[in-house]
Amino acid sequence: KQLSKQLSQKTPVETRPSDEDMAFQQQYEYALREIAVNMFSAGGSIAEHNRDIANDIKYLVRGLELNPNQLPLYMSLASAYRQLGDISTVHRLYGSLVELQPGNVLNYLNYASSAMQLGQNDLAESTLREAVNIDKDGVLAKAALARLTLAKGDYEEAKRLAVEVVERNRSVEAYLLLATVYRANGENGAALVAMETARQIDPMHPQLTWDAVEESKLVQP
């Protein structure tokens, strides 16, 4: 009896979960969290389809709270806030994407675009120049920077960038950009050549909207 009493008074031995058990628990919790994130994402999509922006935002925010690394949710959330006209929040969300995915040039383009909408042209320019440095062989950032510098009145820089875009991508869009730059500086002959080159590439391209009357204005006497 005394031995039985002694055994009953002993503190139970605490068993530490094995590494396998802990790994399984972590995987289980992660799976549950991802299921919940997907459910909130689906809820946001349904709300968006029904044009219920308030609930769309609520679902997307909840999903990001569970997993802040779900990059598509940032894009969807930015789109929802854009529909509300809340460009400041759109800009903040694109800034988060730049930090989370610094190698994606499109994130920089979106961040720069929202900066321009907020009147932050210096930030937009620095962002686009950073994008150009990240993707030296690409043309999207260069083309956007060419348009921005042209809007600022820096014709020479805009021309340099537009020429580089054409050299790397001889497309209708590239030649139309070059034509726009030439035309803005009164170089109508060069603008006509760029326009004709674009037409030779794809005469049915939807961006070739200038009619013969408009083009005739570019012909130098």
N, C-alpha and C. Protein backbone atom coordinates (compact mmCIF):
# COMPACT_ATOMS: atom_id res chain seq x y z
N LYS A 1 0.82 -1.20 0.00
CA LYS A 1 0.00 0.00 0.00
C LYS A 1 0.86 1.25 0.00
N GLN A 2 1.94 1.21 0.80
CA GLN A 2 2.81 2.39 0.87
C GLN A 2 3.47 2.67 -0.47
N LEU A 3 3.89 1.59 -1.17
CA LEU A 3 4.50 1.75 -2.48
C LEU A 3 3.49 2.34 -3.47
N SER A 4 2.26 1.87 -3.39
CA SER A 4 1.21 2.38 -4.26
C SER A 4 0.96 3.85 -4.01
N LYS A 5 1.01 4.23 -2.69
CA LYS A 5 0.80 5.61 -2.32
C LYS A 5 1.92 6.50 -2.84
N GLN A 6 3.15 5.99 -2.77
CA GLN A 6 4.30 6.76 -3.24
C GLN A 6 4.24 6.98 -4.75
N LEU A 7 3.83 5.92 -5.44
CA LEU A 7 3.74 6.05 -6.90
C LEU A 7 2.68 7.06 -7.32
N SER A 8 1.57 7.08 -6.55
CA SER A 8 0.48 7.99 -6.89
C SER A 8 0.84 9.44 -6.61
N GLN A 9 1.82 9.66 -5.70
CA GLN A 9 2.21 11.02 -5.35
C GLN A 9 3.29 11.58 -6.27
N LYS A 10 3.86 10.75 -7.13
CA LYS A 10 4.92 11.21 -8.01
C LYS A 10 4.35 12.13 -9.11
N THR A 11 5.12 13.14 -9.42
CA THR A 11 4.70 14.06 -10.48
C THR A 11 4.76 13.36 -11.82
N PRO A 12 3.68 13.44 -12.60
CA PRO A 12 3.69 12.78 -13.90
C PRO A 12 4.82 13.30 -14.78
N VAL A 13 5.43 12.44 -15.52
CA VAL A 13 6.53 12.81 -16.40
C VAL A 13 5.97 13.52 -17.63
N GLU A 14 6.47 14.76 -17.87
CA GLU A 14 6.01 15.52 -19.03
C GLU A 14 6.76 15.05 -20.27
N THR A 15 6.01 14.71 -21.28
CA THR A 15 6.62 14.24 -22.52
C THR A 15 6.70 15.38 -23.51
N ARG A 16 7.87 15.64 -24.03
CA ARG A 16 8.09 16.71 -25.02
C ARG A 16 7.72 16.19 -26.40
N PRO A 17 6.96 16.98 -27.16
CA PRO A 17 6.60 16.54 -28.50
C PRO A 17 7.85 16.29 -29.34
N SER A 18 7.82 15.29 -30.13
CA SER A 18 8.95 14.99 -31.00
C SER A 18 9.05 16.04 -32.11
N ASP A 19 10.19 16.08 -32.74
CA ASP A 19 10.38 17.01 -33.86
C ASP A 19 9.39 16.73 -34.97
N GLU A 20 9.09 15.46 -35.18
CA GLU A 20 8.12 15.09 -36.21
C GLU A 20 6.73 15.62 -35.86
N ASP A 21 6.36 15.50 -34.57
CA ASP A 21 5.06 15.99 -34.14
C ASP A 21 4.95 17.51 -34.31
N MET A 22 6.02 18.20 -33.95
CA MET A 22 6.01 19.66 -34.05
C MET A 22 5.94 20.09 -35.52
N ALA A 23 6.68 19.39 -36.38
CA ALA A 23 6.67 19.72 -37.80
C ALA A 23 5.27 19.49 -38.38
N PHE A 24 4.64 18.39 -37.96
CA PHE A 24 3.29 18.09 -38.44
C PHE A 24 2.32 19.17 -37.98
N GLN A 25 2.45 19.61 -36.72
CA GLN A 25 1.55 20.64 -36.20
C GLN A 25 1.70 21.94 -36.97
N GLN A 26 2.94 22.29 -37.28
CA GLN A 26 3.19 23.51 -38.04
C GLN A 26 2.60 23.42 -39.44
N GLN A 27 2.77 22.29 -40.08
CA GLN A 27 2.22 22.10 -41.42
C GLN A 27 0.69 22.13 -41.38
N TYR A 28 0.13 21.54 -40.34
CA TYR A 28 -1.32 21.51 -40.19
C TYR A 28 -1.87 22.93 -40.02
N GLU A 29 -1.22 23.72 -39.16
CA GLU A 29 -1.67 25.09 -38.93
C GLU A 29 -1.50 25.94 -40.19
N TYR A 30 -0.40 25.71 -40.93
CA TYR A 30 -0.17 26.45 -42.17
C TYR A 30 -1.25 26.12 -43.20
N ALA A 31 -1.57 24.81 -43.29
CA ALA A 31 -2.60 24.39 -44.25
C ALA A 31 -3.95 25.02 -43.93
N LEU A 32 -4.30 25.03 -42.63
CA LEU A 32 -5.57 25.64 -42.23
C LEU A 32 -5.59 27.13 -42.56
N ARG A 33 -4.45 27.79 -42.32
CA ARG A 33 -4.38 29.23 -42.59
C ARG A 33 -4.52 29.50 -44.09
N GLU A 34 -3.87 28.67 -44.91
CA GLU A 34 -3.96 28.88 -46.35
C GLU A 34 -5.37 28.60 -46.87
N ILE A 35 -6.04 27.62 -46.29
CA ILE A 35 -7.43 27.35 -46.67
C ILE A 35 -8.29 28.57 -46.37
N ALA A 36 -8.05 29.16 -45.19
CA ALA A 36 -8.81 30.35 -44.81
C ALA A 36 -8.50 31.51 -45.75
N VAL A 37 -7.23 31.67 -46.11
CA VAL A 37 -6.84 32.74 -47.03
C VAL A 37 -7.54 32.57 -48.37
N ASN A 38 -7.56 31.34 -48.87
CA ASN A 38 -8.20 31.07 -50.15
C ASN A 38 -9.71 31.34 -50.08
N MET A 39 -10.29 31.04 -48.93
CA MET A 39 -11.72 31.31 -48.76
C MET A 39 -12.00 32.80 -48.77
N PHE A 40 -11.14 33.58 -48.10
CA PHE A 40 -11.33 35.03 -48.09
C PHE A 40 -11.09 35.61 -49.48
N SER A 41 -10.11 35.04 -50.19
CA SER A 41 -9.85 35.49 -51.55
C SER A 41 -11.05 35.21 -52.45
N ALA A 42 -11.63 34.02 -52.31
CA ALA A 42 -12.81 33.67 -53.10
C ALA A 42 -13.98 34.58 -52.74
N GLY A 43 -14.12 34.86 -51.46
CA GLY A 43 -15.18 35.77 -51.03
C GLY A 43 -15.01 37.15 -51.63
N GLY A 44 -13.75 37.60 -51.70
CA GLY A 44 -13.48 38.89 -52.32
C GLY A 44 -13.84 38.90 -53.79
N SER A 45 -13.53 37.79 -54.48
CA SER A 45 -13.84 37.70 -55.91
C SER A 45 -15.35 37.76 -56.14
N ILE A 46 -16.09 37.06 -55.29
CA ILE A 46 -17.56 37.07 -55.41
C ILE A 46 -18.10 38.48 -55.15
N ALA A 47 -17.56 39.12 -54.12
CA ALA A 47 -18.00 40.48 -53.80
C ALA A 47 -17.67 41.44 -54.93
N GLU A 48 -16.50 41.26 -55.53
CA GLU A 48 -16.10 42.12 -56.65
C GLU A 48 -17.06 41.91 -57.83
N HIS A 49 -17.38 40.65 -58.09
CA HIS A 49 -18.30 40.34 -59.19
C HIS A 49 -19.66 41.01 -58.96
N ASN A 50 -20.06 41.05 -57.70
CA ASN A 50 -21.34 41.67 -57.34
C ASN A 50 -21.23 43.18 -57.13
N ARG A 51 -20.03 43.72 -57.40
CA ARG A 51 -19.75 45.15 -57.25
C ARG A 51 -19.96 45.62 -55.81
N ASP A 52 -19.68 44.71 -54.89
CA ASP A 52 -19.77 45.02 -53.47
C ASP A 52 -18.35 45.32 -52.97
N ILE A 53 -17.90 46.54 -53.23
CA ILE A 53 -16.50 46.88 -52.97
C ILE A 53 -16.17 46.81 -51.48
N ALA A 54 -17.11 47.20 -50.63
CA ALA A 54 -16.85 47.21 -49.19
C ALA A 54 -16.52 45.81 -48.70
N ASN A 55 -17.33 44.82 -49.09
CA ASN A 55 -17.06 43.45 -48.66
C ASN A 55 -15.85 42.87 -49.37
N ASP A 56 -15.62 43.27 -50.61
CA ASP A 56 -14.43 42.84 -51.33
C ASP A 56 -13.19 43.23 -50.53
N ILE A 57 -13.13 44.49 -50.10
CA ILE A 57 -12.00 44.98 -49.32
C ILE A 57 -11.91 44.24 -47.99
N LYS A 58 -13.03 44.02 -47.34
CA LYS A 58 -13.02 43.35 -46.04
C LYS A 58 -12.43 41.95 -46.15
N TYR A 59 -12.85 41.20 -47.16
CA TYR A 59 -12.33 39.84 -47.34
C TYR A 59 -10.84 39.84 -47.66
N LEU A 60 -10.42 40.75 -48.53
CA LEU A 60 -9.02 40.79 -48.94
C LEU A 60 -8.11 41.19 -47.78
N VAL A 61 -8.56 42.16 -46.99
CA VAL A 61 -7.77 42.58 -45.83
C VAL A 61 -7.63 41.43 -44.84
N ARG A 62 -8.72 40.70 -44.64
CA ARG A 62 -8.67 39.56 -43.72
C ARG A 62 -7.69 38.50 -44.22
N GLY A 63 -7.69 38.28 -45.51
CA GLY A 63 -6.75 37.32 -46.07
C GLY A 63 -5.31 37.73 -45.88
N LEU A 64 -5.03 39.03 -46.06
CA LEU A 64 -3.67 39.53 -45.87
C LEU A 64 -3.25 39.50 -44.41
N GLU A 65 -4.21 39.65 -43.51
CA GLU A 65 -3.88 39.54 -42.09
C GLU A 65 -3.39 38.14 -41.76
N LEU A 66 -3.96 37.14 -42.42
CA LEU A 66 -3.54 35.75 -42.18
C LEU A 66 -2.23 35.43 -42.88
N ASN A 67 -2.02 36.01 -44.05
CA ASN A 67 -0.78 35.76 -44.78
C ASN A 67 -0.38 37.01 -45.55
N PRO A 68 0.49 37.84 -44.96
CA PRO A 68 0.90 39.10 -45.59
C PRO A 68 1.74 38.91 -46.85
N ASN A 69 2.10 37.67 -47.19
CA ASN A 69 2.92 37.42 -48.36
C ASN A 69 2.11 36.99 -49.58
N GLN A 70 0.79 37.06 -49.47
CA GLN A 70 -0.07 36.70 -50.60
C GLN A 70 -0.12 37.87 -51.59
N LEU A 71 0.83 37.90 -52.52
CA LEU A 71 0.97 39.04 -53.42
C LEU A 71 -0.26 39.32 -54.27
N PRO A 72 -0.96 38.30 -54.80
CA PRO A 72 -2.15 38.61 -55.60
C PRO A 72 -3.22 39.39 -54.83
N LEU A 73 -3.28 39.19 -53.51
CA LEU A 73 -4.28 39.91 -52.73
C LEU A 73 -3.99 41.41 -52.70
N TYR A 74 -2.71 41.77 -52.73
CA TYR A 74 -2.35 43.19 -52.78
C TYR A 74 -2.86 43.82 -54.07
N MET A 75 -2.69 43.09 -55.18
CA MET A 75 -3.14 43.62 -56.47
C MET A 75 -4.66 43.78 -56.48
N SER A 76 -5.36 42.77 -55.96
CA SER A 76 -6.83 42.83 -55.93
C SER A 76 -7.30 43.97 -55.02
N LEU A 77 -6.61 44.13 -53.91
CA LEU A 77 -6.98 45.18 -52.96
C LEU A 77 -6.72 46.56 -53.56
N ALA A 78 -5.61 46.70 -54.28
CA ALA A 78 -5.31 47.97 -54.94
C ALA A 78 -6.38 48.30 -55.98
N SER A 79 -6.82 47.27 -56.71
CA SER A 79 -7.87 47.48 -57.70
C SER A 79 -9.17 47.94 -57.05
N ALA A 80 -9.50 47.35 -55.90
CA ALA A 80 -10.72 47.72 -55.18
C ALA A 80 -10.66 49.17 -54.71
N TYR A 81 -9.52 49.55 -54.13
CA TYR A 81 -9.39 50.93 -53.65
C TYR A 81 -9.35 51.93 -54.81
N ARG A 82 -8.82 51.49 -55.95
CA ARG A 82 -8.82 52.37 -57.11
C ARG A 82 -10.25 52.68 -57.55
N GLN A 83 -11.12 51.68 -57.44
CA GLN A 83 -12.53 51.91 -57.80
C GLN A 83 -13.17 52.93 -56.86
N LEU A 84 -12.66 53.01 -55.64
CA LEU A 84 -13.18 53.99 -54.69
C LEU A 84 -12.52 55.36 -54.87
N GLY A 85 -11.49 55.40 -55.72
CA GLY A 85 -10.78 56.65 -55.93
C GLY A 85 -9.77 56.96 -54.85
N ASP A 86 -9.43 55.96 -54.03
CA ASP A 86 -8.49 56.15 -52.93
C ASP A 86 -7.08 55.84 -53.43
N ILE A 87 -6.50 56.80 -54.16
CA ILE A 87 -5.20 56.58 -54.78
C ILE A 87 -4.08 56.49 -53.74
N SER A 88 -4.24 57.18 -52.61
CA SER A 88 -3.22 57.11 -51.56
C SER A 88 -3.04 55.69 -51.06
N THR A 89 -4.16 54.99 -50.84
CA THR A 89 -4.07 53.60 -50.40
C THR A 89 -3.55 52.70 -51.51
N VAL A 90 -3.97 52.98 -52.74
CA VAL A 90 -3.44 52.23 -53.88
C VAL A 90 -1.92 52.36 -53.93
N HIS A 91 -1.45 53.59 -53.76
CA HIS A 91 -0.01 53.85 -53.78
C HIS A 91 0.71 53.10 -52.66
N ARG A 92 0.13 53.09 -51.48
CA ARG A 92 0.74 52.37 -50.35
C ARG A 92 0.81 50.87 -50.63
N LEU A 93 -0.23 50.32 -51.22
CA LEU A 93 -0.25 48.88 -51.53
C LEU A 93 0.80 48.52 -52.58
N TYR A 94 0.94 49.37 -53.59
CA TYR A 94 1.97 49.10 -54.59
C TYR A 94 3.37 49.24 -53.98
N GLY A 95 3.50 50.14 -53.02
CA GLY A 95 4.77 50.26 -52.31
C GLY A 95 5.11 48.98 -51.56
N SER A 96 4.09 48.36 -50.97
CA SER A 96 4.30 47.08 -50.28
C SER A 96 4.75 46.01 -51.26
N LEU A 97 4.17 46.02 -52.46
CA LEU A 97 4.56 45.04 -53.46
C LEU A 97 6.01 45.24 -53.92
N VAL A 98 6.43 46.49 -54.03
CA VAL A 98 7.82 46.77 -54.39
C VAL A 98 8.76 46.18 -53.34
N GLU A 99 8.40 46.31 -52.08
CA GLU A 99 9.23 45.78 -51.01
C GLU A 99 9.22 44.25 -50.99
N LEU A 100 8.06 43.67 -51.23
CA LEU A 100 7.92 42.21 -51.16
C LEU A 100 8.48 41.51 -52.40
N GLN A 101 8.43 42.19 -53.53
CA GLN A 101 8.85 41.59 -54.79
C GLN A 101 9.68 42.60 -55.58
N PRO A 102 10.88 42.91 -55.09
CA PRO A 102 11.68 43.99 -55.67
C PRO A 102 12.18 43.71 -57.08
N GLY A 103 12.11 42.48 -57.53
CA GLY A 103 12.59 42.17 -58.87
C GLY A 103 11.54 42.29 -59.94
N ASN A 104 10.30 42.61 -59.57
CA ASN A 104 9.20 42.69 -60.52
C ASN A 104 9.03 44.13 -60.99
N VAL A 105 9.36 44.38 -62.26
CA VAL A 105 9.33 45.73 -62.81
C VAL A 105 7.91 46.29 -62.81
N LEU A 106 6.92 45.44 -63.01
CA LEU A 106 5.53 45.92 -63.05
C LEU A 106 5.13 46.59 -61.73
N ASN A 107 5.66 46.08 -60.63
CA ASN A 107 5.36 46.71 -59.34
C ASN A 107 5.87 48.15 -59.30
N TYR A 108 7.05 48.37 -59.86
CA TYR A 108 7.62 49.72 -59.91
C TYR A 108 6.79 50.63 -60.82
N LEU A 109 6.34 50.07 -61.95
CA LEU A 109 5.53 50.87 -62.87
C LEU A 109 4.23 51.29 -62.22
N ASN A 110 3.59 50.37 -61.51
CA ASN A 110 2.34 50.70 -60.82
C ASN A 110 2.58 51.72 -59.70
N TYR A 111 3.68 51.55 -58.99
CA TYR A 111 4.01 52.48 -57.89
C TYR A 111 4.28 53.87 -58.45
N ALA A 112 5.00 53.92 -59.58
CA ALA A 112 5.30 55.22 -60.21
C ALA A 112 4.03 55.86 -60.74
N SER A 113 3.15 55.04 -61.33
CA SER A 113 1.90 55.57 -61.88
C SER A 113 1.03 56.20 -60.79
N SER A 114 0.92 55.51 -59.67
CA SER A 114 0.11 56.07 -58.58
C SER A 114 0.78 57.30 -57.97
N ALA A 115 2.11 57.33 -57.99
CA ALA A 115 2.83 58.51 -57.50
C ALA A 115 2.51 59.72 -58.37
N MET A 116 2.48 59.52 -59.69
CA MET A 116 2.15 60.62 -60.60
C MET A 116 0.72 61.10 -60.39
N GLN A 117 -0.18 60.15 -60.13
CA GLN A 117 -1.57 60.55 -59.87
C GLN A 117 -1.69 61.39 -58.61
N LEU A 118 -0.76 61.19 -57.69
CA LEU A 118 -0.75 61.97 -56.46
C LEU A 118 0.08 63.24 -56.59
N GLY A 119 0.62 63.47 -57.78
CA GLY A 119 1.42 64.67 -58.01
C GLY A 119 2.85 64.55 -57.52
N GLN A 120 3.28 63.32 -57.22
CA GLN A 120 4.64 63.10 -56.72
C GLN A 120 5.54 62.68 -57.89
N ASN A 121 5.77 63.62 -58.79
CA ASN A 121 6.50 63.30 -60.02
C ASN A 121 7.96 62.95 -59.77
N ASP A 122 8.58 63.57 -58.79
CA ASP A 122 9.98 63.26 -58.49
C ASP A 122 10.11 61.81 -58.01
N LEU A 123 9.17 61.39 -57.16
CA LEU A 123 9.17 60.00 -56.69
C LEU A 123 8.91 59.06 -57.86
N ALA A 124 8.00 59.44 -58.73
CA ALA A 124 7.70 58.61 -59.90
C ALA A 124 8.94 58.44 -60.77
N GLU A 125 9.66 59.53 -60.99
CA GLU A 125 10.85 59.46 -61.84
C GLU A 125 11.94 58.59 -61.20
N SER A 126 12.19 58.79 -59.92
CA SER A 126 13.21 58.00 -59.24
C SER A 126 12.83 56.51 -59.23
N THR A 127 11.54 56.23 -59.09
CA THR A 127 11.07 54.84 -59.10
C THR A 127 11.28 54.21 -60.47
N LEU A 128 10.97 54.96 -61.53
CA LEU A 128 11.15 54.43 -62.88
C LEU A 128 12.63 54.24 -63.21
N ARG A 129 13.48 55.15 -62.74
CA ARG A 129 14.91 54.98 -62.98
C ARG A 129 15.44 53.75 -62.24
N GLU A 130 14.90 53.49 -61.08
CA GLU A 130 15.29 52.28 -60.35
C GLU A 130 14.83 51.04 -61.12
N ALA A 131 13.65 51.11 -61.70
CA ALA A 131 13.14 49.99 -62.50
C ALA A 131 14.01 49.75 -63.73
N VAL A 132 14.47 50.84 -64.36
CA VAL A 132 15.35 50.71 -65.52
C VAL A 132 16.64 50.02 -65.12
N ASN A 133 17.17 50.36 -63.97
CA ASN A 133 18.41 49.74 -63.50
C ASN A 133 18.20 48.26 -63.19
N ILE A 134 17.03 47.91 -62.70
CA ILE A 134 16.74 46.51 -62.38
C ILE A 134 16.60 45.68 -63.66
N ASP A 135 15.97 46.27 -64.67
CA ASP A 135 15.71 45.55 -65.92
C ASP A 135 16.33 46.33 -67.08
N LYS A 136 17.65 46.28 -67.15
CA LYS A 136 18.38 47.09 -68.14
C LYS A 136 18.04 46.71 -69.57
N ASP A 137 17.67 45.46 -69.80
CA ASP A 137 17.37 45.01 -71.16
C ASP A 137 15.89 45.14 -71.50
N GLY A 138 15.07 45.52 -70.53
CA GLY A 138 13.64 45.65 -70.77
C GLY A 138 13.28 47.00 -71.35
N VAL A 139 12.03 47.13 -71.78
CA VAL A 139 11.60 48.37 -72.42
C VAL A 139 10.43 49.04 -71.69
N LEU A 140 9.72 48.32 -70.84
CA LEU A 140 8.54 48.89 -70.21
C LEU A 140 8.89 50.11 -69.35
N ALA A 141 9.90 49.95 -68.50
CA ALA A 141 10.29 51.05 -67.62
C ALA A 141 10.86 52.21 -68.43
N LYS A 142 11.67 51.89 -69.46
CA LYS A 142 12.24 52.95 -70.30
C LYS A 142 11.15 53.73 -71.01
N ALA A 143 10.15 53.04 -71.52
CA ALA A 143 9.07 53.72 -72.22
C ALA A 143 8.29 54.63 -71.28
N ALA A 144 8.01 54.13 -70.08
CA ALA A 144 7.29 54.95 -69.10
C ALA A 144 8.12 56.16 -68.69
N LEU A 145 9.42 55.96 -68.54
CA LEU A 145 10.30 57.07 -68.16
C LEU A 145 10.40 58.08 -69.29
N ALA A 146 10.40 57.60 -70.52
CA ALA A 146 10.44 58.51 -71.67
C ALA A 146 9.20 59.41 -71.68
N ARG A 147 8.05 58.83 -71.41
CA ARG A 147 6.81 59.64 -71.38
C ARG A 147 6.85 60.66 -70.25
N LEU A 148 7.38 60.25 -69.10
CA LEU A 148 7.43 61.15 -67.96
C LEU A 148 8.40 62.31 -68.22
N THR A 149 9.58 62.00 -68.74
CA THR A 149 10.56 63.06 -69.00
C THR A 149 10.07 63.98 -70.11
N LEU A 150 9.33 63.44 -71.08
CA LEU A 150 8.75 64.29 -72.13
C LEU A 150 7.73 65.24 -71.53
N ALA A 151 6.91 64.73 -70.60
CA ALA A 151 5.91 65.58 -69.94
C ALA A 151 6.58 66.69 -69.13
N LYS A 152 7.78 66.41 -68.62
CA LYS A 152 8.52 67.42 -67.86
C LYS A 152 9.21 68.43 -68.77
N GLY A 153 9.22 68.15 -70.08
CA GLY A 153 9.87 69.05 -71.01
C GLY A 153 11.33 68.73 -71.26
N ASP A 154 11.80 67.60 -70.76
CA ASP A 154 13.19 67.19 -70.98
C ASP A 154 13.23 66.38 -72.28
N TYR A 155 13.22 67.07 -73.40
CA TYR A 155 13.10 66.42 -74.70
C TYR A 155 14.28 65.50 -74.98
N GLU A 156 15.50 65.97 -74.72
CA GLU A 156 16.69 65.18 -75.06
C GLU A 156 16.70 63.84 -74.32
N GLU A 157 16.34 63.86 -73.05
CA GLU A 157 16.30 62.61 -72.28
C GLU A 157 15.18 61.70 -72.79
N ALA A 158 14.04 62.31 -73.10
CA ALA A 158 12.93 61.52 -73.64
C ALA A 158 13.31 60.88 -74.97
N LYS A 159 14.00 61.63 -75.81
CA LYS A 159 14.43 61.11 -77.11
C LYS A 159 15.43 59.98 -76.93
N ARG A 160 16.38 60.16 -76.02
CA ARG A 160 17.38 59.11 -75.78
C ARG A 160 16.71 57.81 -75.34
N LEU A 161 15.77 57.92 -74.43
CA LEU A 161 15.07 56.74 -73.93
C LEU A 161 14.21 56.10 -75.01
N ALA A 162 13.50 56.93 -75.79
CA ALA A 162 12.64 56.40 -76.84
C ALA A 162 13.45 55.67 -77.91
N VAL A 163 14.60 56.21 -78.24
CA VAL A 163 15.48 55.55 -79.22
C VAL A 163 15.95 54.20 -78.68
N GLU A 164 16.30 54.15 -77.40
CA GLU A 164 16.72 52.88 -76.79
C GLU A 164 15.58 51.87 -76.81
N VAL A 165 14.37 52.33 -76.58
CA VAL A 165 13.21 51.44 -76.62
C VAL A 165 13.07 50.84 -78.01
N VAL A 166 13.20 51.66 -79.05
CA VAL A 166 13.08 51.18 -80.43
C VAL A 166 14.20 50.20 -80.76
N GLU A 167 15.40 50.49 -80.29
CA GLU A 167 16.54 49.60 -80.57
C GLU A 167 16.34 48.22 -79.95
N ARG A 168 15.68 48.17 -78.82
CA ARG A 168 15.49 46.90 -78.12
C ARG A 168 14.19 46.19 -78.52
N ASN A 169 13.24 46.96 -79.04
CA ASN A 169 11.93 46.36 -79.34
C ASN A 169 11.30 47.12 -80.50
N ARG A 170 11.53 46.63 -81.71
CA ARG A 170 11.03 47.32 -82.90
C ARG A 170 9.56 46.95 -83.11
N SER A 171 8.72 47.53 -82.26
CA SER A 171 7.29 47.27 -82.29
C SER A 171 6.53 48.53 -82.69
N VAL A 172 5.24 48.36 -82.99
CA VAL A 172 4.40 49.51 -83.30
C VAL A 172 4.40 50.50 -82.14
N GLU A 173 4.25 49.98 -80.92
CA GLU A 173 4.19 50.84 -79.73
C GLU A 173 5.47 51.65 -79.57
N ALA A 174 6.61 51.00 -79.84
CA ALA A 174 7.90 51.69 -79.69
C ALA A 174 8.04 52.83 -80.69
N TYR A 175 7.68 52.57 -81.94
CA TYR A 175 7.80 53.62 -82.96
C TYR A 175 6.79 54.74 -82.75
N LEU A 176 5.62 54.41 -82.25
CA LEU A 176 4.65 55.47 -81.95
C LEU A 176 5.14 56.34 -80.80
N LEU A 177 5.80 55.73 -79.82
CA LEU A 177 6.40 56.53 -78.73
C LEU A 177 7.45 57.47 -79.31
N LEU A 178 8.30 56.95 -80.19
CA LEU A 178 9.33 57.78 -80.79
C LEU A 178 8.71 58.90 -81.62
N ALA A 179 7.64 58.59 -82.35
CA ALA A 179 6.95 59.61 -83.14
C ALA A 179 6.38 60.71 -82.25
N THR A 180 5.85 60.31 -81.10
CA THR A 180 5.29 61.28 -80.15
C THR A 180 6.38 62.22 -79.64
N VAL A 181 7.54 61.66 -79.34
CA VAL A 181 8.65 62.48 -78.85
C VAL A 181 9.12 63.45 -79.93
N TYR A 182 9.30 62.94 -81.16
CA TYR A 182 9.72 63.80 -82.26
C TYR A 182 8.71 64.93 -82.50
N ARG A 183 7.44 64.57 -82.51
CA ARG A 183 6.40 65.55 -82.78
C ARG A 183 6.37 66.64 -81.72
N ALA A 184 6.57 66.24 -80.45
CA ALA A 184 6.54 67.21 -79.36
C ALA A 184 7.65 68.25 -79.50
N ASN A 185 8.73 67.86 -80.18
CA ASN A 185 9.84 68.80 -80.35
C ASN A 185 9.82 69.47 -81.73
N GLY A 186 8.74 69.25 -82.48
CA GLY A 186 8.64 69.89 -83.79
C GLY A 186 9.41 69.21 -84.88
N GLU A 187 9.92 68.01 -84.64
CA GLU A 187 10.66 67.27 -85.66
C GLU A 187 9.65 66.43 -86.46
N ASN A 188 8.86 67.11 -87.27
CA ASN A 188 7.75 66.47 -87.95
C ASN A 188 8.18 65.44 -88.98
N GLY A 189 9.27 65.70 -89.66
CA GLY A 189 9.76 64.74 -90.65
C GLY A 189 10.14 63.42 -90.00
N ALA A 190 10.87 63.50 -88.90
CA ALA A 190 11.27 62.28 -88.18
C ALA A 190 10.06 61.57 -87.60
N ALA A 191 9.07 62.36 -87.16
CA ALA A 191 7.84 61.77 -86.63
C ALA A 191 7.11 60.98 -87.71
N LEU A 192 7.07 61.54 -88.96
CA LEU A 192 6.42 60.85 -90.07
C LEU A 192 7.13 59.54 -90.39
N VAL A 193 8.44 59.55 -90.37
CA VAL A 193 9.20 58.33 -90.64
C VAL A 193 8.89 57.26 -89.60
N ALA A 194 8.85 57.66 -88.35
CA ALA A 194 8.54 56.70 -87.27
C ALA A 194 7.12 56.16 -87.43
N MET A 195 6.18 57.03 -87.80
CA MET A 195 4.81 56.61 -88.02
C MET A 195 4.71 55.61 -89.16
N GLU A 196 5.41 55.89 -90.26
CA GLU A 196 5.36 55.00 -91.42
C GLU A 196 5.98 53.66 -91.10
N THR A 197 7.05 53.66 -90.30
CA THR A 197 7.67 52.40 -89.90
C THR A 197 6.71 51.57 -89.07
N ALA A 198 5.99 52.24 -88.17
CA ALA A 198 4.99 51.54 -87.36
C ALA A 198 3.92 50.93 -88.25
N ARG A 199 3.50 51.68 -89.28
CA ARG A 199 2.45 51.19 -90.18
C ARG A 199 2.94 49.99 -91.00
N GLN A 200 4.21 49.98 -91.35
CA GLN A 200 4.76 48.85 -92.10
C GLN A 200 4.79 47.59 -91.25
N ILE A 201 5.01 47.76 -89.95
CA ILE A 201 5.05 46.60 -89.06
C ILE A 201 3.67 45.96 -88.94
N ASP A 202 2.66 46.81 -88.76
CA ASP A 202 1.29 46.28 -88.60
C ASP A 202 0.30 47.37 -88.99
N PRO A 203 -0.10 47.40 -90.25
CA PRO A 203 -0.99 48.46 -90.72
C PRO A 203 -2.36 48.46 -90.05
N MET A 204 -2.75 47.34 -89.45
CA MET A 204 -4.07 47.24 -88.81
C MET A 204 -3.99 47.39 -87.29
N HIS A 205 -2.85 47.79 -86.78
CA HIS A 205 -2.70 47.91 -85.33
C HIS A 205 -3.67 48.96 -84.78
N PRO A 206 -4.38 48.63 -83.67
CA PRO A 206 -5.40 49.56 -83.14
C PRO A 206 -4.85 50.90 -82.69
N GLN A 207 -3.56 50.99 -82.40
CA GLN A 207 -3.01 52.27 -81.94
C GLN A 207 -2.69 53.22 -83.09
N LEU A 208 -2.76 52.71 -84.31
CA LEU A 208 -2.49 53.59 -85.45
C LEU A 208 -3.78 54.33 -85.80
N THR A 209 -4.05 55.37 -85.05
CA THR A 209 -5.33 56.07 -85.16
C THR A 209 -5.23 57.41 -85.89
N TRP A 210 -4.04 57.86 -86.18
CA TRP A 210 -3.93 59.16 -86.87
C TRP A 210 -4.40 59.00 -88.31
N ASP A 211 -5.29 59.85 -88.77
CA ASP A 211 -5.76 59.77 -90.15
C ASP A 211 -4.85 60.60 -91.06
N ALA A 212 -5.16 60.59 -92.33
CA ALA A 212 -4.29 61.26 -93.30
C ALA A 212 -4.22 62.77 -93.05
N VAL A 213 -5.32 63.34 -92.58
CA VAL A 213 -5.33 64.79 -92.31
C VAL A 213 -4.39 65.12 -91.17
N GLU A 214 -4.44 64.30 -90.11
CA GLU A 214 -3.57 64.52 -88.95
C GLU A 214 -2.11 64.35 -89.35
N GLU A 215 -1.83 63.31 -90.14
CA GLU A 215 -0.44 63.09 -90.56
C GLU A 215 0.05 64.23 -91.45
N SER A 216 -0.84 64.80 -92.25
CA SER A 216 -0.41 65.85 -93.16
C SER A 216 0.11 67.07 -92.42
N LYS A 217 -0.33 67.23 -91.17
CA LYS A 217 0.13 68.36 -90.36
C LYS A 217 1.62 68.22 -90.02
N LEU A 218 2.13 66.99 -90.11
CA LEU A 218 3.53 66.76 -89.76
C LEU A 218 4.48 67.04 -90.93
N VAL A 219 3.94 67.14 -92.14
CA VAL A 219 4.79 67.33 -93.31
C VAL A 219 5.36 68.74 -93.29
N GLN A 220 6.67 68.80 -93.31
CA GLN A 220 7.34 70.10 -93.30
C GLN A 220 7.28 70.71 -94.70
N PRO A 221 7.05 72.00 -94.78
CA PRO A 221 6.98 72.67 -96.09
C PRO A 221 8.35 72.67 -96.78
